[in-house]
Amino acid sequence: MFSFLVYRQKNLQSYWIAYWILLAILLLTQCLLTQDELFLFVNRHTNNYLDLPMNGITFIGSGWVFGAVIGLAFFYRDKRLGLLLLSTYILSTLLAQGIKHILPAIPRPQLHFAEIKQAIRLPKGAEVLKLASFPSGHSTSIAALATILAFYFRKYSIALPLLAIAFIVAFSRVYVAAHFFRDISAGIFLGTEAAAICILLFRKKLEQ
């Protein structure tokens, strides 16, 4: 994994350790429970009060937000950061969308549970999505964005909240009935690895 190659970056060790621990916990839960059981557990705890904020949180993982950050970096912060973010966005999108198109059309939760006649609650404001469940594009996007920003700022006070945001956004994709846990796990991994690859490629340019 490319993330191991950037582990020694100054002031980022805690970010990577926390990332690996959280990802391991996420994977462990999927060894103990099935995808259906995990999804239904989350779905049964959705409610009208959480629907609006969770829909807002899930939007953070959209390409619109990533694009806005890229624009801010180019015009207001650092063109090198803008270049790194743009490269990471392209690579992470190619990986996620490439896998979606290579694999057979995997049903999303809404279609999957309809086919087995299992009722689920669709949170208010959630999109009606049926196919291309694996991997989660939102999870890929937010993980890539969080990793690049953590690398750029290299402060614990910024990096760890960014990591927390990435996992919360990924979880929101399950909450809004758009993905299973396997989808968000793969998305987080792909986004982080894509970011690590771009960091390795552009490291010397960023240090100039």
C-alpha atoms as a PDB file:
ATOM      1  CA  MET A   1       0.000   0.000   0.000  1.00  0.00           C
ATOM      2  CA  PHE A   2       1.316   3.419  -0.967  1.00  0.00           C
ATOM      3  CA  SER A   3       0.134   4.905   2.323  1.00  0.00           C
ATOM      4  CA  PHE A   4       2.944   3.033   4.082  1.00  0.00           C
ATOM      5  CA  LEU A   5       5.464   4.818   1.871  1.00  0.00           C
ATOM      6  CA  VAL A   6       4.378   8.235   3.112  1.00  0.00           C
ATOM      7  CA  TYR A   7       4.017   7.184   6.751  1.00  0.00           C
ATOM      8  CA  ARG A   8       7.239   8.909   7.788  1.00  0.00           C
ATOM      9  CA  GLN A   9       6.156  12.327   6.521  1.00  0.00           C
ATOM     10  CA  LYS A  10       6.690  14.913   9.238  1.00  0.00           C
ATOM     11  CA  ASN A  11       3.748  15.354  11.615  1.00  0.00           C
ATOM     12  CA  LEU A  12       1.587  12.826   9.771  1.00  0.00           C
ATOM     13  CA  GLN A  13       2.305   9.644  11.704  1.00  0.00           C
ATOM     14  CA  SER A  14      -0.740  10.073  13.946  1.00  0.00           C
ATOM     15  CA  TYR A  15      -2.953  10.561  10.892  1.00  0.00           C
ATOM     16  CA  TRP A  16      -1.847   7.290   9.331  1.00  0.00           C
ATOM     17  CA  ILE A  17      -2.011   5.321  12.577  1.00  0.00           C
ATOM     18  CA  ALA A  18      -5.538   6.595  13.243  1.00  0.00           C
ATOM     19  CA  TYR A  19      -6.494   5.832   9.626  1.00  0.00           C
ATOM     20  CA  TRP A  20      -5.262   2.240   9.793  1.00  0.00           C
ATOM     21  CA  ILE A  21      -6.985   1.664  13.137  1.00  0.00           C
ATOM     22  CA  LEU A  22     -10.316   3.055  11.938  1.00  0.00           C
ATOM     23  CA  LEU A  23     -10.124   1.125   8.670  1.00  0.00           C
ATOM     24  CA  ALA A  24      -9.265  -2.074  10.569  1.00  0.00           C
ATOM     25  CA  ILE A  25     -12.280  -1.579  12.858  1.00  0.00           C
ATOM     26  CA  LEU A  26     -14.480  -0.997   9.830  1.00  0.00           C
ATOM     27  CA  LEU A  27     -13.223  -4.192   8.216  1.00  0.00           C
ATOM     28  CA  LEU A  28     -13.487  -6.186  11.439  1.00  0.00           C
ATOM     29  CA  THR A  29     -17.162  -5.345  11.818  1.00  0.00           C
ATOM     30  CA  GLN A  30     -17.686  -6.800   8.342  1.00  0.00           C
ATOM     31  CA  CYS A  31     -16.046 -10.031   9.418  1.00  0.00           C
ATOM     32  CA  LEU A  32     -18.437 -10.329  12.356  1.00  0.00           C
ATOM     33  CA  LEU A  33     -21.667  -9.266  10.634  1.00  0.00           C
ATOM     34  CA  THR A  34     -23.027  -9.533   7.104  1.00  0.00           C
ATOM     35  CA  GLN A  35     -23.473  -6.519   4.851  1.00  0.00           C
ATOM     36  CA  ASP A  36     -27.247  -6.811   5.244  1.00  0.00           C
ATOM     37  CA  GLU A  37     -27.039  -6.938   9.031  1.00  0.00           C
ATOM     38  CA  LEU A  38     -24.777  -3.907   9.227  1.00  0.00           C
ATOM     39  CA  PHE A  39     -26.911  -1.875   6.862  1.00  0.00           C
ATOM     40  CA  LEU A  40     -30.168  -2.779   8.597  1.00  0.00           C
ATOM     41  CA  PHE A  41     -28.692  -1.913  12.003  1.00  0.00           C
ATOM     42  CA  VAL A  42     -27.883   1.588  10.755  1.00  0.00           C
ATOM     43  CA  ASN A  43     -31.162   1.904   8.873  1.00  0.00           C
ATOM     44  CA  ARG A  44     -33.223   1.048  11.957  1.00  0.00           C
ATOM     45  CA  HIS A  45     -31.575   3.928  13.822  1.00  0.00           C
ATOM     46  CA  THR A  46     -32.336   6.586  11.215  1.00  0.00           C
ATOM     47  CA  ASN A  47     -34.897   9.212  12.142  1.00  0.00           C
ATOM     48  CA  ASN A  48     -36.443  12.472  10.973  1.00  0.00           C
ATOM     49  CA  TYR A  49     -34.157  14.564  13.180  1.00  0.00           C
ATOM     50  CA  LEU A  50     -30.953  13.158  11.685  1.00  0.00           C
ATOM     51  CA  ASP A  51     -32.075  13.028   8.058  1.00  0.00           C
ATOM     52  CA  LEU A  52     -31.370  16.671   7.194  1.00  0.00           C
ATOM     53  CA  PRO A  53     -27.914  16.922   8.823  1.00  0.00           C
ATOM     54  CA  MET A  54     -26.864  13.549   7.399  1.00  0.00           C
ATOM     55  CA  ASN A  55     -27.874  14.632   3.906  1.00  0.00           C
ATOM     56  CA  GLY A  56     -25.760  17.746   4.424  1.00  0.00           C
ATOM     57  CA  ILE A  57     -22.823  15.695   5.645  1.00  0.00           C
ATOM     58  CA  THR A  58     -23.031  13.287   2.706  1.00  0.00           C
ATOM     59  CA  PHE A  59     -22.860  16.252   0.291  1.00  0.00           C
ATOM     60  CA  ILE A  60     -19.360  17.030   1.570  1.00  0.00           C
ATOM     61  CA  GLY A  61     -18.161  13.943  -0.271  1.00  0.00           C
ATOM     62  CA  SER A  62     -19.455  15.160  -3.633  1.00  0.00           C
ATOM     63  CA  GLY A  63     -17.276  16.242  -6.516  1.00  0.00           C
ATOM     64  CA  TRP A  64     -18.698  19.762  -6.188  1.00  0.00           C
ATOM     65  CA  VAL A  65     -17.009  20.223  -2.823  1.00  0.00           C
ATOM     66  CA  PHE A  66     -13.720  18.755  -4.045  1.00  0.00           C
ATOM     67  CA  GLY A  67     -13.878  21.063  -7.068  1.00  0.00           C
ATOM     68  CA  ALA A  68     -14.537  24.092  -4.873  1.00  0.00           C
ATOM     69  CA  VAL A  69     -11.501  23.287  -2.718  1.00  0.00           C
ATOM     70  CA  ILE A  70      -9.367  22.887  -5.845  1.00  0.00           C
ATOM     71  CA  GLY A  71     -10.514  26.306  -7.051  1.00  0.00           C
ATOM     72  CA  LEU A  72      -9.755  27.930  -3.706  1.00  0.00           C
ATOM     73  CA  ALA A  73      -6.308  26.346  -3.666  1.00  0.00           C
ATOM     74  CA  PHE A  74      -5.438  27.583  -7.167  1.00  0.00           C
ATOM     75  CA  PHE A  75      -6.698  31.133  -6.761  1.00  0.00           C
ATOM     76  CA  TYR A  76      -6.259  31.916  -3.076  1.00  0.00           C
ATOM     77  CA  ARG A  77      -3.785  29.549  -1.457  1.00  0.00           C
ATOM     78  CA  ASP A  78      -1.055  27.732  -3.359  1.00  0.00           C
ATOM     79  CA  LYS A  79      -1.002  26.628  -6.998  1.00  0.00           C
ATOM     80  CA  ARG A  80       1.105  23.622  -6.019  1.00  0.00           C
ATOM     81  CA  LEU A  81      -1.627  22.498  -3.644  1.00  0.00           C
ATOM     82  CA  GLY A  82      -4.177  23.080  -6.411  1.00  0.00           C
ATOM     83  CA  LEU A  83      -2.169  20.883  -8.765  1.00  0.00           C
ATOM     84  CA  LEU A  84      -1.861  18.153  -6.141  1.00  0.00           C
ATOM     85  CA  LEU A  85      -5.579  18.264  -5.383  1.00  0.00           C
ATOM     86  CA  LEU A  86      -6.536  18.222  -9.065  1.00  0.00           C
ATOM     87  CA  SER A  87      -4.262  15.268  -9.784  1.00  0.00           C
ATOM     88  CA  THR A  88      -5.632  13.395  -6.793  1.00  0.00           C
ATOM     89  CA  TYR A  89      -9.224  14.105  -7.805  1.00  0.00           C
ATOM     90  CA  ILE A  90      -8.599  12.790 -11.318  1.00  0.00           C
ATOM     91  CA  LEU A  91      -6.809   9.650 -10.132  1.00  0.00           C
ATOM     92  CA  SER A  92      -9.290   8.818  -7.371  1.00  0.00           C
ATOM     93  CA  THR A  93     -12.234   9.372  -9.721  1.00  0.00           C
ATOM     94  CA  LEU A  94     -10.696   7.192 -12.421  1.00  0.00           C
ATOM     95  CA  LEU A  95     -10.113   4.413  -9.886  1.00  0.00           C
ATOM     96  CA  ALA A  96     -13.607   4.539  -8.374  1.00  0.00           C
ATOM     97  CA  GLN A  97     -15.509   4.987 -11.625  1.00  0.00           C
ATOM     98  CA  GLY A  98     -13.282   2.507 -13.432  1.00  0.00           C
ATOM     99  CA  ILE A  99     -14.105  -0.197 -10.914  1.00  0.00           C
ATOM    100  CA  LYS A 100     -17.815   0.663 -11.115  1.00  0.00           C
ATOM    101  CA  HIS A 101     -17.748   0.132 -14.886  1.00  0.00           C
ATOM    102  CA  ILE A 102     -15.514  -2.941 -14.869  1.00  0.00           C
ATOM    103  CA  LEU A 103     -17.549  -4.874 -12.326  1.00  0.00           C
ATOM    104  CA  PRO A 104     -21.074  -6.089 -13.062  1.00  0.00           C
ATOM    105  CA  ALA A 105     -23.772  -3.621 -11.985  1.00  0.00           C
ATOM    106  CA  ILE A 106     -23.894  -4.201  -8.229  1.00  0.00           C
ATOM    107  CA  PRO A 107     -27.286  -3.298  -6.680  1.00  0.00           C
ATOM    108  CA  ARG A 108     -27.406  -0.523  -4.117  1.00  0.00           C
ATOM    109  CA  PRO A 109     -29.232  -1.121  -0.827  1.00  0.00           C
ATOM    110  CA  GLN A 110     -32.549   0.255  -2.086  1.00  0.00           C
ATOM    111  CA  LEU A 111     -32.705  -2.209  -4.995  1.00  0.00           C
ATOM    112  CA  HIS A 112     -31.099  -5.081  -3.087  1.00  0.00           C
ATOM    113  CA  PHE A 113     -33.638  -5.038  -0.267  1.00  0.00           C
ATOM    114  CA  ALA A 114     -36.529  -4.499  -2.671  1.00  0.00           C
ATOM    115  CA  GLU A 115     -35.495  -7.657  -4.515  1.00  0.00           C
ATOM    116  CA  ILE A 116     -35.504  -9.736  -1.326  1.00  0.00           C
ATOM    117  CA  LYS A 117     -38.697  -8.017  -0.142  1.00  0.00           C
ATOM    118  CA  GLN A 118     -37.090  -6.500   2.957  1.00  0.00           C
ATOM    119  CA  ALA A 119     -38.540  -3.133   3.914  1.00  0.00           C
ATOM    120  CA  ILE A 120     -36.078  -0.350   4.713  1.00  0.00           C
ATOM    121  CA  ARG A 121     -36.523   3.292   5.617  1.00  0.00           C
ATOM    122  CA  LEU A 122     -35.388   5.804   3.000  1.00  0.00           C
ATOM    123  CA  PRO A 123     -34.294   8.971   4.835  1.00  0.00           C
ATOM    124  CA  LYS A 124     -35.980  12.185   3.757  1.00  0.00           C
ATOM    125  CA  GLY A 125     -34.099  13.902   0.961  1.00  0.00           C
ATOM    126  CA  ALA A 126     -32.067  10.803   0.072  1.00  0.00           C
ATOM    127  CA  GLU A 127     -31.487  10.071  -3.603  1.00  0.00           C
ATOM    128  CA  VAL A 128     -33.181   7.109  -5.246  1.00  0.00           C
ATOM    129  CA  LEU A 129     -30.214   5.010  -6.400  1.00  0.00           C
ATOM    130  CA  LYS A 130     -30.335   1.470  -7.727  1.00  0.00           C
ATOM    131  CA  LEU A 131     -27.049   0.380  -9.312  1.00  0.00           C
ATOM    132  CA  ALA A 132     -23.263   0.919  -9.261  1.00  0.00           C
ATOM    133  CA  SER A 133     -22.936   0.478  -5.518  1.00  0.00           C
ATOM    134  CA  PHE A 134     -19.272  -0.580  -5.317  1.00  0.00           C
ATOM    135  CA  PRO A 135     -17.169   1.366  -4.468  1.00  0.00           C
ATOM    136  CA  SER A 136     -18.578   4.527  -2.889  1.00  0.00           C
ATOM    137  CA  GLY A 137     -17.534   7.540  -4.962  1.00  0.00           C
ATOM    138  CA  HIS A 138     -18.321   9.996  -2.153  1.00  0.00           C
ATOM    139  CA  SER A 139     -16.158   8.017   0.275  1.00  0.00           C
ATOM    140  CA  THR A 140     -13.334   7.892  -2.266  1.00  0.00           C
ATOM    141  CA  SER A 141     -13.543  11.634  -2.853  1.00  0.00           C
ATOM    142  CA  ILE A 142     -13.611  12.723   0.795  1.00  0.00           C
ATOM    143  CA  ALA A 143     -10.821  10.320   1.808  1.00  0.00           C
ATOM    144  CA  ALA A 144      -8.607  11.646  -0.988  1.00  0.00           C
ATOM    145  CA  LEU A 145      -9.374  15.264  -0.123  1.00  0.00           C
ATOM    146  CA  ALA A 146      -8.805  14.771   3.618  1.00  0.00           C
ATOM    147  CA  THR A 147      -5.468  13.025   3.046  1.00  0.00           C
ATOM    148  CA  ILE A 148      -4.113  15.736   0.740  1.00  0.00           C
ATOM    149  CA  LEU A 149      -5.143  18.550   3.077  1.00  0.00           C
ATOM    150  CA  ALA A 150      -3.663  16.690   6.065  1.00  0.00           C
ATOM    151  CA  PHE A 151      -0.395  16.294   4.163  1.00  0.00           C
ATOM    152  CA  TYR A 152      -0.335  19.950   3.129  1.00  0.00           C
ATOM    153  CA  PHE A 153      -1.018  21.479   6.545  1.00  0.00           C
ATOM    154  CA  ARG A 154       0.831  18.799   8.586  1.00  0.00           C
ATOM    155  CA  LYS A 155      -0.745  19.747  11.906  1.00  0.00           C
ATOM    156  CA  TYR A 156      -2.366  17.286  14.290  1.00  0.00           C
ATOM    157  CA  SER A 157      -5.098  19.813  15.046  1.00  0.00           C
ATOM    158  CA  ILE A 158      -6.085  19.820  11.356  1.00  0.00           C
ATOM    159  CA  ALA A 159      -5.188  16.310  10.185  1.00  0.00           C
ATOM    160  CA  LEU A 160      -7.128  14.294  12.767  1.00  0.00           C
ATOM    161  CA  PRO A 161     -10.392  16.284  12.407  1.00  0.00           C
ATOM    162  CA  LEU A 162     -10.072  15.859   8.632  1.00  0.00           C
ATOM    163  CA  LEU A 163      -9.772  12.108   9.088  1.00  0.00           C
ATOM    164  CA  ALA A 164     -12.804  12.070  11.362  1.00  0.00           C
ATOM    165  CA  ILE A 165     -14.777  14.040   8.783  1.00  0.00           C
ATOM    166  CA  ALA A 166     -13.802  11.551   6.058  1.00  0.00           C
ATOM    167  CA  PHE A 167     -15.109   8.580   8.049  1.00  0.00           C
ATOM    168  CA  ILE A 168     -18.276  10.404   9.103  1.00  0.00           C
ATOM    169  CA  VAL A 169     -19.030  11.368   5.505  1.00  0.00           C
ATOM    170  CA  ALA A 170     -18.433   7.763   4.435  1.00  0.00           C
ATOM    171  CA  PHE A 171     -20.786   6.533   7.183  1.00  0.00           C
ATOM    172  CA  SER A 172     -23.429   8.999   5.999  1.00  0.00           C
ATOM    173  CA  ARG A 173     -23.531   7.124   2.685  1.00  0.00           C
ATOM    174  CA  VAL A 174     -24.856   4.102   4.567  1.00  0.00           C
ATOM    175  CA  TYR A 175     -27.255   6.277   6.551  1.00  0.00           C
ATOM    176  CA  VAL A 176     -28.845   7.734   3.386  1.00  0.00           C
ATOM    177  CA  ALA A 177     -29.233   4.196   1.994  1.00  0.00           C
ATOM    178  CA  ALA A 178     -26.804   4.773  -0.874  1.00  0.00           C
ATOM    179  CA  HIS A 179     -24.171   2.174   0.025  1.00  0.00           C
ATOM    180  CA  PHE A 180     -23.193  -0.863   2.053  1.00  0.00           C
ATOM    181  CA  PHE A 181     -20.248  -0.950   4.447  1.00  0.00           C
ATOM    182  CA  ARG A 182     -18.093  -2.763   1.876  1.00  0.00           C
ATOM    183  CA  ASP A 183     -18.624   0.128  -0.545  1.00  0.00           C
ATOM    184  CA  ILE A 184     -17.508   2.845   1.858  1.00  0.00           C
ATOM    185  CA  SER A 185     -14.551   0.750   3.070  1.00  0.00           C
ATOM    186  CA  ALA A 186     -13.315   0.328  -0.495  1.00  0.00           C
ATOM    187  CA  GLY A 187     -13.931   4.008  -1.196  1.00  0.00           C
ATOM    188  CA  ILE A 188     -11.940   5.167   1.827  1.00  0.00           C
ATOM    189  CA  PHE A 189      -9.084   2.858   0.871  1.00  0.00           C
ATOM    190  CA  LEU A 190      -9.049   3.903  -2.802  1.00  0.00           C
ATOM    191  CA  GLY A 191      -9.217   7.605  -2.008  1.00  0.00           C
ATOM    192  CA  THR A 192      -6.434   7.424   0.546  1.00  0.00           C
ATOM    193  CA  GLU A 193      -4.174   5.360  -1.688  1.00  0.00           C
ATOM    194  CA  ALA A 194      -4.791   7.668  -4.649  1.00  0.00           C
ATOM    195  CA  ALA A 195      -3.785  10.610  -2.458  1.00  0.00           C
ATOM    196  CA  ALA A 196      -0.677   8.771  -1.269  1.00  0.00           C
ATOM    197  CA  ILE A 197       0.362   8.068  -4.867  1.00  0.00           C
ATOM    198  CA  CYS A 198       0.020  11.733  -5.818  1.00  0.00           C
ATOM    199  CA  ILE A 199       1.899  12.831  -2.707  1.00  0.00           C
ATOM    200  CA  LEU A 200       4.789  10.585  -3.712  1.00  0.00           C
ATOM    201  CA  LEU A 201       4.721  11.895  -7.288  1.00  0.00           C
ATOM    202  CA  PHE A 202       4.574  15.584  -6.353  1.00  0.00           C
ATOM    203  CA  ARG A 203       6.542  15.551  -3.103  1.00  0.00           C
ATOM    204  CA  LYS A 204       9.690  17.168  -4.510  1.00  0.00           C
ATOM    205  CA  LYS A 205       7.718  19.887  -6.274  1.00  0.00           C
ATOM    206  CA  LEU A 206       5.829  20.669  -3.068  1.00  0.00           C
ATOM    207  CA  GLU A 207       9.068  20.961  -1.104  1.00  0.00           C
ATOM    208  CA  GLN A 208      10.545  23.568  -3.461  1.00  0.00           C
END
